[in-house]
Full PDB file with SEQRES, HELIX, SHEET, SSBOND, CRYST1, ORIGX, SCALE, CONECT and MASTER records, all heavy atoms in Angstrom:
SEQRES   1 A   38  GLN LEU VAL GLU SER GLY GLY GLY LEU VAL GLN ALA GLY          
SEQRES   2 A   38  GLY SER LEU ARG LEU PHE CYS VAL ALA SER GLY ARG ILE          
SEQRES   3 A   38  SER SER ILE HIS VAL MET GLY TRP PHE ARG GLN THR              
HELIX    1 AA1 ILE A   26  SER A   28  5                                   3    
SHEET    1 AA1 2 LEU A   2  SER A   5  0                                        
SHEET    2 AA1 2 PHE A  19  ALA A  22 -1                                        
CRYST1    1.000    1.000    1.000  90.00  90.00  90.00 P 1           1          
ORIGX1      1.000000  0.000000  0.000000        0.00000                         
ORIGX2      0.000000  1.000000  0.000000        0.00000                         
ORIGX3      0.000000  0.000000  1.000000        0.00000                         
SCALE1      1.000000  0.000000  0.000000        0.00000                         
SCALE2      0.000000  1.000000  0.000000        0.00000                         
SCALE3      0.000000  0.000000  1.000000        0.00000                         
ATOM      1  N   GLN A   1     106.833  95.416  -3.447  1.00  0.00           N  
ATOM      2  CA  GLN A   1     108.100  94.993  -4.066  1.00  0.00           C  
ATOM      3  C   GLN A   1     109.149  94.876  -2.978  1.00  0.00           C  
ATOM      4  O   GLN A   1     109.237  95.716  -2.081  1.00  0.00           O  
ATOM      5  CB  GLN A   1     108.534  95.994  -5.136  1.00  0.00           C  
ATOM      6  CG  GLN A   1     107.628  95.984  -6.369  1.00  0.00           C  
ATOM      7  CD  GLN A   1     108.131  96.893  -7.468  1.00  0.00           C  
ATOM      8  OE1 GLN A   1     108.774  97.902  -7.218  1.00  0.00           O  
ATOM      9  NE2 GLN A   1     107.850  96.519  -8.723  1.00  0.00           N  
ATOM     10  N   LEU A   2     109.968  93.830  -3.071  1.00  0.00           N  
ATOM     11  CA  LEU A   2     110.974  93.540  -2.060  1.00  0.00           C  
ATOM     12  C   LEU A   2     112.362  93.572  -2.689  1.00  0.00           C  
ATOM     13  O   LEU A   2     112.575  92.996  -3.756  1.00  0.00           O  
ATOM     14  CB  LEU A   2     110.720  92.152  -1.454  1.00  0.00           C  
ATOM     15  CG  LEU A   2     109.320  91.901  -0.892  1.00  0.00           C  
ATOM     16  CD1 LEU A   2     109.163  90.445  -0.466  1.00  0.00           C  
ATOM     17  CD2 LEU A   2     109.045  92.828   0.277  1.00  0.00           C  
ATOM     18  N   VAL A   3     113.292  94.222  -2.010  1.00  0.00           N  
ATOM     19  CA  VAL A   3     114.672  94.300  -2.487  1.00  0.00           C  
ATOM     20  C   VAL A   3     115.607  93.875  -1.366  1.00  0.00           C  
ATOM     21  O   VAL A   3     115.628  94.491  -0.292  1.00  0.00           O  
ATOM     22  CB  VAL A   3     115.032  95.726  -2.956  1.00  0.00           C  
ATOM     23  CG1 VAL A   3     116.495  95.774  -3.403  1.00  0.00           C  
ATOM     24  CG2 VAL A   3     114.117  96.157  -4.086  1.00  0.00           C  
ATOM     25  N   GLU A   4     116.387  92.816  -1.616  1.00  0.00           N  
ATOM     26  CA  GLU A   4     117.327  92.316  -0.618  1.00  0.00           C  
ATOM     27  C   GLU A   4     118.715  92.921  -0.835  1.00  0.00           C  
ATOM     28  O   GLU A   4     119.084  93.280  -1.953  1.00  0.00           O  
ATOM     29  CB  GLU A   4     117.471  90.786  -0.678  1.00  0.00           C  
ATOM     30  CG  GLU A   4     116.183  90.001  -0.552  1.00  0.00           C  
ATOM     31  CD  GLU A   4     115.660  89.569  -1.887  1.00  0.00           C  
ATOM     32  OE1 GLU A   4     115.923  90.268  -2.886  1.00  0.00           O  
ATOM     33  OE2 GLU A   4     114.973  88.517  -1.938  1.00  0.00           O  
ATOM     34  N   SER A   5     119.474  92.966   0.250  1.00  0.00           N  
ATOM     35  CA  SER A   5     120.876  93.360   0.183  1.00  0.00           C  
ATOM     36  C   SER A   5     121.589  92.789   1.410  1.00  0.00           C  
ATOM     37  O   SER A   5     120.938  92.262   2.317  1.00  0.00           O  
ATOM     38  CB  SER A   5     121.031  94.882   0.134  1.00  0.00           C  
ATOM     39  OG  SER A   5     120.500  95.463   1.307  1.00  0.00           O  
ATOM     40  N   GLY A   6     122.914  92.919   1.402  1.00  0.00           N  
ATOM     41  CA  GLY A   6     123.682  92.482   2.564  1.00  0.00           C  
ATOM     42  C   GLY A   6     124.421  91.177   2.390  1.00  0.00           C  
ATOM     43  O   GLY A   6     125.196  90.783   3.254  1.00  0.00           O  
ATOM     44  N   GLY A   7     124.187  90.498   1.272  1.00  0.00           N  
ATOM     45  CA  GLY A   7     124.901  89.255   1.039  1.00  0.00           C  
ATOM     46  C   GLY A   7     126.369  89.511   0.725  1.00  0.00           C  
ATOM     47  O   GLY A   7     126.798  90.643   0.554  1.00  0.00           O  
ATOM     48  N   GLY A   8     127.136  88.424   0.675  1.00  0.00           N  
ATOM     49  CA  GLY A   8     128.551  88.560   0.358  1.00  0.00           C  
ATOM     50  C   GLY A   8     129.314  87.304   0.702  1.00  0.00           C  
ATOM     51  O   GLY A   8     128.729  86.244   0.916  1.00  0.00           O  
ATOM     52  N   LEU A   9     130.625  87.451   0.735  1.00  0.00           N  
ATOM     53  CA  LEU A   9     131.532  86.343   1.044  1.00  0.00           C  
ATOM     54  C   LEU A   9     132.055  86.512   2.460  1.00  0.00           C  
ATOM     55  O   LEU A   9     132.519  87.600   2.825  1.00  0.00           O  
ATOM     56  CB  LEU A   9     132.690  86.329   0.049  1.00  0.00           C  
ATOM     57  CG  LEU A   9     133.822  85.329   0.306  1.00  0.00           C  
ATOM     58  CD1 LEU A   9     133.304  83.899   0.213  1.00  0.00           C  
ATOM     59  CD2 LEU A   9     134.957  85.566  -0.673  1.00  0.00           C  
ATOM     60  N   VAL A  10     131.968  85.447   3.240  1.00  0.00           N  
ATOM     61  CA  VAL A  10     132.429  85.503   4.621  1.00  0.00           C  
ATOM     62  C   VAL A  10     133.063  84.164   4.979  1.00  0.00           C  
ATOM     63  O   VAL A  10     132.689  83.124   4.414  1.00  0.00           O  
ATOM     64  CB  VAL A  10     131.256  85.840   5.572  1.00  0.00           C  
ATOM     65  CG1 VAL A  10     130.204  84.739   5.569  1.00  0.00           C  
ATOM     66  CG2 VAL A  10     131.737  86.127   6.977  1.00  0.00           C  
ATOM     67  N   GLN A  11     133.993  84.188   5.909  1.00  0.00           N  
ATOM     68  CA  GLN A  11     134.601  82.939   6.363  1.00  0.00           C  
ATOM     69  C   GLN A  11     133.687  82.227   7.363  1.00  0.00           C  
ATOM     70  O   GLN A  11     132.877  82.872   8.041  1.00  0.00           O  
ATOM     71  CB  GLN A  11     135.953  83.214   7.017  1.00  0.00           C  
ATOM     72  CG  GLN A  11     137.049  83.605   6.036  1.00  0.00           C  
ATOM     73  CD  GLN A  11     138.407  83.679   6.687  1.00  0.00           C  
ATOM     74  OE1 GLN A  11     138.525  83.940   7.879  1.00  0.00           O  
ATOM     75  NE2 GLN A  11     139.456  83.438   5.908  1.00  0.00           N  
ATOM     76  N   ALA A  12     133.851  80.924   7.451  1.00  0.00           N  
ATOM     77  CA  ALA A  12     133.086  80.154   8.420  1.00  0.00           C  
ATOM     78  C   ALA A  12     133.290  80.731   9.817  1.00  0.00           C  
ATOM     79  O   ALA A  12     134.410  81.096  10.189  1.00  0.00           O  
ATOM     80  CB  ALA A  12     133.511  78.691   8.378  1.00  0.00           C  
ATOM     81  N   GLY A  13     132.196  80.820  10.557  1.00  0.00           N  
ATOM     82  CA  GLY A  13     132.234  81.412  11.883  1.00  0.00           C  
ATOM     83  C   GLY A  13     131.915  82.893  11.902  1.00  0.00           C  
ATOM     84  O   GLY A  13     131.714  83.469  12.979  1.00  0.00           O  
ATOM     85  N   GLY A  14     131.889  83.497  10.732  1.00  0.00           N  
ATOM     86  CA  GLY A  14     131.611  84.920  10.635  1.00  0.00           C  
ATOM     87  C   GLY A  14     130.126  85.236  10.646  1.00  0.00           C  
ATOM     88  O   GLY A  14     129.271  84.347  10.830  1.00  0.00           O  
ATOM     89  N   SER A  15     129.821  86.517  10.438  1.00  0.00           N  
ATOM     90  CA  SER A  15     128.441  86.995  10.491  1.00  0.00           C  
ATOM     91  C   SER A  15     128.115  87.854   9.280  1.00  0.00           C  
ATOM     92  O   SER A  15     129.002  88.492   8.699  1.00  0.00           O  
ATOM     93  CB  SER A  15     128.215  87.826  11.758  1.00  0.00           C  
ATOM     94  OG  SER A  15     128.427  87.056  12.923  1.00  0.00           O  
ATOM     95  N   LEU A  16     126.853  87.861   8.935  1.00  0.00           N  
ATOM     96  CA  LEU A  16     126.315  88.758   7.919  1.00  0.00           C  
ATOM     97  C   LEU A  16     124.921  89.184   8.355  1.00  0.00           C  
ATOM     98  O   LEU A  16     124.231  88.440   9.070  1.00  0.00           O  
ATOM     99  CB  LEU A  16     126.220  88.070   6.557  1.00  0.00           C  
ATOM    100  CG  LEU A  16     127.474  87.909   5.715  1.00  0.00           C  
ATOM    101  CD1 LEU A  16     127.163  87.098   4.465  1.00  0.00           C  
ATOM    102  CD2 LEU A  16     128.074  89.254   5.334  1.00  0.00           C  
ATOM    103  N   ARG A  17     124.517  90.355   7.886  1.00  0.00           N  
ATOM    104  CA  ARG A  17     123.163  90.820   8.140  1.00  0.00           C  
ATOM    105  C   ARG A  17     122.495  91.135   6.817  1.00  0.00           C  
ATOM    106  O   ARG A  17     123.013  91.956   6.046  1.00  0.00           O  
ATOM    107  CB  ARG A  17     123.159  92.058   9.039  1.00  0.00           C  
ATOM    108  CG  ARG A  17     121.787  92.381   9.606  1.00  0.00           C  
ATOM    109  CD  ARG A  17     121.810  93.629  10.455  1.00  0.00           C  
ATOM    110  NE  ARG A  17     120.629  93.716  11.309  1.00  0.00           N  
ATOM    111  CZ  ARG A  17     120.216  94.831  11.899  1.00  0.00           C  
ATOM    112  NH1 ARG A  17     120.905  95.951  11.741  1.00  0.00           N  
ATOM    113  NH2 ARG A  17     119.144  94.807  12.655  1.00  0.00           N  
ATOM    114  N   LEU A  18     121.402  90.460   6.559  1.00  0.00           N  
ATOM    115  CA  LEU A  18     120.651  90.684   5.341  1.00  0.00           C  
ATOM    116  C   LEU A  18     119.530  91.686   5.601  1.00  0.00           C  
ATOM    117  O   LEU A  18     118.946  91.708   6.680  1.00  0.00           O  
ATOM    118  CB  LEU A  18     120.063  89.376   4.820  1.00  0.00           C  
ATOM    119  CG  LEU A  18     121.047  88.243   4.532  1.00  0.00           C  
ATOM    120  CD1 LEU A  18     120.311  87.062   3.915  1.00  0.00           C  
ATOM    121  CD2 LEU A  18     122.176  88.700   3.644  1.00  0.00           C  
ATOM    122  N   PHE A  19     119.257  92.485   4.571  1.00  0.00           N  
ATOM    123  CA  PHE A  19     118.212  93.491   4.645  1.00  0.00           C  
ATOM    124  C   PHE A  19     117.196  93.236   3.537  1.00  0.00           C  
ATOM    125  O   PHE A  19     117.559  92.873   2.424  1.00  0.00           O  
ATOM    126  CB  PHE A  19     118.792  94.894   4.443  1.00  0.00           C  
ATOM    127  CG  PHE A  19     119.853  95.275   5.426  1.00  0.00           C  
ATOM    128  CD1 PHE A  19     121.156  94.824   5.272  1.00  0.00           C  
ATOM    129  CD2 PHE A  19     119.554  96.090   6.502  1.00  0.00           C  
ATOM    130  CE1 PHE A  19     122.153  95.182   6.176  1.00  0.00           C  
ATOM    131  CE2 PHE A  19     120.539  96.456   7.412  1.00  0.00           C  
ATOM    132  CZ  PHE A  19     121.837  95.993   7.249  1.00  0.00           C  
ATOM    133  N   CYS A  20     115.936  93.463   3.847  1.00  0.00           N  
ATOM    134  CA  CYS A  20     114.881  93.369   2.844  1.00  0.00           C  
ATOM    135  C   CYS A  20     114.008  94.603   2.999  1.00  0.00           C  
ATOM    136  O   CYS A  20     113.314  94.757   4.017  1.00  0.00           O  
ATOM    137  CB  CYS A  20     114.062  92.106   3.045  1.00  0.00           C  
ATOM    138  SG  CYS A  20     112.603  91.991   1.991  1.00  0.00           S  
ATOM    139  N   VAL A  21     114.061  95.468   1.997  1.00  0.00           N  
ATOM    140  CA  VAL A  21     113.281  96.697   2.037  1.00  0.00           C  
ATOM    141  C   VAL A  21     112.067  96.548   1.135  1.00  0.00           C  
ATOM    142  O   VAL A  21     112.189  96.183  -0.041  1.00  0.00           O  
ATOM    143  CB  VAL A  21     114.120  97.902   1.599  1.00  0.00           C  
ATOM    144  CG1 VAL A  21     113.291  99.175   1.658  1.00  0.00           C  
ATOM    145  CG2 VAL A  21     115.355  98.041   2.482  1.00  0.00           C  
ATOM    146  N   ALA A  22     110.891  96.847   1.676  1.00  0.00           N  
ATOM    147  CA  ALA A  22     109.643  96.757   0.920  1.00  0.00           C  
ATOM    148  C   ALA A  22     109.257  98.122   0.396  1.00  0.00           C  
ATOM    149  O   ALA A  22     109.433  99.130   1.075  1.00  0.00           O  
ATOM    150  CB  ALA A  22     108.542  96.208   1.819  1.00  0.00           C  
ATOM    151  N   SER A  23     108.733  98.125  -0.826  1.00  0.00           N  
ATOM    152  CA  SER A  23     108.346  99.399  -1.424  1.00  0.00           C  
ATOM    153  C   SER A  23     107.012  99.887  -0.889  1.00  0.00           C  
ATOM    154  O   SER A  23     106.716 101.078  -0.905  1.00  0.00           O  
ATOM    155  CB  SER A  23     108.263  99.267  -2.945  1.00  0.00           C  
ATOM    156  OG  SER A  23     107.288  98.291  -3.299  1.00  0.00           O  
ATOM    157  N   GLY A  24     106.209  98.924  -0.415  1.00  0.00           N  
ATOM    158  CA  GLY A  24     104.914  99.308   0.134  1.00  0.00           C  
ATOM    159  C   GLY A  24     104.932  99.243   1.646  1.00  0.00           C  
ATOM    160  O   GLY A  24     105.986  99.130   2.261  1.00  0.00           O  
ATOM    161  N   ARG A  25     103.779  99.251   2.221  1.00  0.00           N  
ATOM    162  CA  ARG A  25     103.685  99.197   3.672  1.00  0.00           C  
ATOM    163  C   ARG A  25     103.616  97.741   4.129  1.00  0.00           C  
ATOM    164  O   ARG A  25     102.648  97.049   3.884  1.00  0.00           O  
ATOM    165  CB  ARG A  25     102.436  99.939   4.138  1.00  0.00           C  
ATOM    166  CG  ARG A  25     102.506 101.437   3.940  1.00  0.00           C  
ATOM    167  CD  ARG A  25     101.212 102.099   4.394  1.00  0.00           C  
ATOM    168  NE  ARG A  25     100.933 101.819   5.790  1.00  0.00           N  
ATOM    169  CZ  ARG A  25     101.437 102.521   6.806  1.00  0.00           C  
ATOM    170  NH1 ARG A  25     102.254 103.513   6.554  1.00  0.00           N  
ATOM    171  NH2 ARG A  25     101.130 102.224   8.039  1.00  0.00           N  
ATOM    172  N   ILE A  26     104.668  97.316   4.828  1.00  0.00           N  
ATOM    173  CA  ILE A  26     104.691  95.928   5.281  1.00  0.00           C  
ATOM    174  C   ILE A  26     103.889  95.737   6.555  1.00  0.00           C  
ATOM    175  O   ILE A  26     103.649  94.611   6.966  1.00  0.00           O  
ATOM    176  CB  ILE A  26     106.136  95.419   5.493  1.00  0.00           C  
ATOM    177  CG1 ILE A  26     106.795  96.136   6.664  1.00  0.00           C  
ATOM    178  CG2 ILE A  26     106.934  95.547   4.219  1.00  0.00           C  
ATOM    179  CD1 ILE A  26     108.117  95.506   7.057  1.00  0.00           C  
ATOM    180  N   SER A  27     103.474  96.827   7.168  1.00  0.00           N  
ATOM    181  CA  SER A  27     102.728  96.682   8.423  1.00  0.00           C  
ATOM    182  C   SER A  27     101.424  95.937   8.194  1.00  0.00           C  
ATOM    183  O   SER A  27     100.879  95.329   9.114  1.00  0.00           O  
ATOM    184  CB  SER A  27     102.446  98.055   9.032  1.00  0.00           C  
ATOM    185  OG  SER A  27     101.723  98.866   8.127  1.00  0.00           O  
ATOM    186  N   SER A  28     100.919  95.990   6.939  1.00  0.00           N  
ATOM    187  CA  SER A  28      99.668  95.297   6.655  1.00  0.00           C  
ATOM    188  C   SER A  28      99.888  93.846   6.252  1.00  0.00           C  
ATOM    189  O   SER A  28      98.927  93.104   6.060  1.00  0.00           O  
ATOM    190  CB  SER A  28      98.917  96.017   5.532  1.00  0.00           C  
ATOM    191  OG  SER A  28      99.683  95.992   4.348  1.00  0.00           O  
ATOM    192  N   ILE A  29     101.141  93.448   6.114  1.00  0.00           N  
ATOM    193  CA  ILE A  29     101.479  92.079   5.728  1.00  0.00           C  
ATOM    194  C   ILE A  29     101.717  91.271   6.993  1.00  0.00           C  
ATOM    195  O   ILE A  29     102.595  91.598   7.789  1.00  0.00           O  
ATOM    196  CB  ILE A  29     102.731  92.038   4.839  1.00  0.00           C  
ATOM    197  CG1 ILE A  29     102.478  92.831   3.559  1.00  0.00           C  
ATOM    198  CG2 ILE A  29     103.103  90.596   4.512  1.00  0.00           C  
ATOM    199  CD1 ILE A  29     103.692  92.947   2.671  1.00  0.00           C  
ATOM    200  N   HIS A  30     100.940  90.207   7.148  1.00  0.00           N  
ATOM    201  CA  HIS A  30     100.999  89.451   8.405  1.00  0.00           C  
ATOM    202  C   HIS A  30     102.309  88.691   8.557  1.00  0.00           C  
ATOM    203  O   HIS A  30     102.917  88.683   9.632  1.00  0.00           O  
ATOM    204  CB  HIS A  30      99.818  88.483   8.471  1.00  0.00           C  
ATOM    205  CG  HIS A  30      99.814  87.646   9.709  1.00  0.00           C  
ATOM    206  ND1 HIS A  30      99.876  88.189  10.981  1.00  0.00           N  
ATOM    207  CD2 HIS A  30      99.785  86.314   9.881  1.00  0.00           C  
ATOM    208  CE1 HIS A  30      99.855  87.223  11.873  1.00  0.00           C  
ATOM    209  NE2 HIS A  30      99.807  86.071  11.243  1.00  0.00           N  
ATOM    210  N   VAL A  31     102.769  88.068   7.488  1.00  0.00           N  
ATOM    211  CA  VAL A  31     103.953  87.228   7.592  1.00  0.00           C  
ATOM    212  C   VAL A  31     105.005  87.651   6.578  1.00  0.00           C  
ATOM    213  O   VAL A  31     104.699  87.895   5.408  1.00  0.00           O  
ATOM    214  CB  VAL A  31     103.604  85.741   7.353  1.00  0.00           C  
ATOM    215  CG1 VAL A  31     104.859  84.876   7.516  1.00  0.00           C  
ATOM    216  CG2 VAL A  31     102.521  85.284   8.318  1.00  0.00           C  
ATOM    217  N   MET A  32     106.246  87.712   7.049  1.00  0.00           N  
ATOM    218  CA  MET A  32     107.393  87.922   6.144  1.00  0.00           C  
ATOM    219  C   MET A  32     108.448  86.893   6.503  1.00  0.00           C  
ATOM    220  O   MET A  32     108.511  86.415   7.651  1.00  0.00           O  
ATOM    221  CB  MET A  32     107.945  89.329   6.273  1.00  0.00           C  
ATOM    222  CG  MET A  32     106.942  90.391   5.865  1.00  0.00           C  
ATOM    223  SD  MET A  32     107.666  92.008   5.625  1.00  0.00           S  
ATOM    224  CE  MET A  32     108.592  91.758   4.111  1.00  0.00           C  
ATOM    225  N   GLY A  33     109.243  86.554   5.526  1.00  0.00           N  
ATOM    226  CA  GLY A  33     110.220  85.506   5.796  1.00  0.00           C  
ATOM    227  C   GLY A  33     111.430  85.563   4.893  1.00  0.00           C  
ATOM    228  O   GLY A  33     111.496  86.356   3.943  1.00  0.00           O  
ATOM    229  N   TRP A  34     112.381  84.721   5.223  1.00  0.00           N  
ATOM    230  CA  TRP A  34     113.585  84.531   4.422  1.00  0.00           C  
ATOM    231  C   TRP A  34     113.675  83.070   3.996  1.00  0.00           C  
ATOM    232  O   TRP A  34     113.493  82.164   4.821  1.00  0.00           O  
ATOM    233  CB  TRP A  34     114.834  84.901   5.224  1.00  0.00           C  
ATOM    234  CG  TRP A  34     115.027  86.367   5.429  1.00  0.00           C  
ATOM    235  CD1 TRP A  34     114.628  87.105   6.498  1.00  0.00           C  
ATOM    236  CD2 TRP A  34     115.670  87.273   4.525  1.00  0.00           C  
ATOM    237  NE1 TRP A  34     114.984  88.417   6.327  1.00  0.00           N  
ATOM    238  CE2 TRP A  34     115.632  88.549   5.129  1.00  0.00           C  
ATOM    239  CE3 TRP A  34     116.284  87.136   3.285  1.00  0.00           C  
ATOM    240  CZ2 TRP A  34     116.172  89.683   4.520  1.00  0.00           C  
ATOM    241  CZ3 TRP A  34     116.827  88.259   2.684  1.00  0.00           C  
ATOM    242  CH2 TRP A  34     116.768  89.512   3.300  1.00  0.00           C  
ATOM    243  N   PHE A  35     113.934  82.882   2.727  1.00  0.00           N  
ATOM    244  CA  PHE A  35     114.153  81.551   2.174  1.00  0.00           C  
ATOM    245  C   PHE A  35     115.578  81.497   1.620  1.00  0.00           C  
ATOM    246  O   PHE A  35     116.216  82.536   1.429  1.00  0.00           O  
ATOM    247  CB  PHE A  35     113.182  81.285   1.009  1.00  0.00           C  
ATOM    248  CG  PHE A  35     111.758  81.054   1.429  1.00  0.00           C  
ATOM    249  CD1 PHE A  35     110.965  82.099   1.871  1.00  0.00           C  
ATOM    250  CD2 PHE A  35     111.203  79.787   1.363  1.00  0.00           C  
ATOM    251  CE1 PHE A  35     109.646  81.891   2.250  1.00  0.00           C  
ATOM    252  CE2 PHE A  35     109.884  79.559   1.728  1.00  0.00           C  
ATOM    253  CZ  PHE A  35     109.115  80.618   2.168  1.00  0.00           C  
ATOM    254  N   ARG A  36     116.047  80.304   1.341  1.00  0.00           N  
ATOM    255  CA  ARG A  36     117.327  80.153   0.650  1.00  0.00           C  
ATOM    256  C   ARG A  36     117.263  78.979  -0.312  1.00  0.00           C  
ATOM    257  O   ARG A  36     116.472  78.059  -0.130  1.00  0.00           O  
ATOM    258  CB  ARG A  36     118.481  79.975   1.634  1.00  0.00           C  
ATOM    259  CG  ARG A  36     118.461  78.688   2.449  1.00  0.00           C  
ATOM    260  CD  ARG A  36     119.579  78.714   3.483  1.00  0.00           C  
ATOM    261  NE  ARG A  36     119.613  77.493   4.288  1.00  0.00           N  
ATOM    262  CZ  ARG A  36     120.395  77.321   5.350  1.00  0.00           C  
ATOM    263  NH1 ARG A  36     121.208  78.312   5.740  1.00  0.00           N  
ATOM    264  NH2 ARG A  36     120.367  76.191   6.021  1.00  0.00           N  
ATOM    265  N   GLN A  37     118.124  79.060  -1.325  1.00  0.00           N  
ATOM    266  CA  GLN A  37     118.128  78.016  -2.346  1.00  0.00           C  
ATOM    267  C   GLN A  37     119.534  77.819  -2.882  1.00  0.00           C  
ATOM    268  O   GLN A  37     120.250  78.783  -3.130  1.00  0.00           O  
ATOM    269  CB  GLN A  37     117.187  78.384  -3.491  1.00  0.00           C  
ATOM    270  CG  GLN A  37     116.973  77.277  -4.501  1.00  0.00           C  
ATOM    271  CD  GLN A  37     115.862  77.604  -5.479  1.00  0.00           C  
ATOM    272  OE1 GLN A  37     115.544  78.769  -5.730  1.00  0.00           O  
ATOM    273  NE2 GLN A  37     115.243  76.577  -6.036  1.00  0.00           N  
ATOM    274  N   THR A  38     119.898  76.552  -3.046  1.00  0.00           N  
ATOM    275  CA  THR A  38     121.158  76.198  -3.690  1.00  0.00           C  
ATOM    276  C   THR A  38     120.836  75.424  -4.957  1.00  0.00           C  
ATOM    277  O   THR A  38     119.748  74.850  -5.079  1.00  0.00           O  
ATOM    278  CB  THR A  38     122.029  75.339  -2.762  1.00  0.00           C  
ATOM    279  OG1 THR A  38     121.267  74.199  -2.322  1.00  0.00           O  
ATOM    280  CG2 THR A  38     122.474  76.127  -1.541  1.00  0.00           C  
TER     281      THR A  38                                                      
MASTER        0    0    0    1    2    0    0    6  280    1    0    3          
END                                                                             
């Protein structure tokens, strides 16, 4: 199970850091990624 956090409102030019915490062991997962959708 994956839970994201860290999103929010920021001005152009700013920075954010997103976090994704896995409930299981991700070391056995070969690939992880971030997608986005509008």
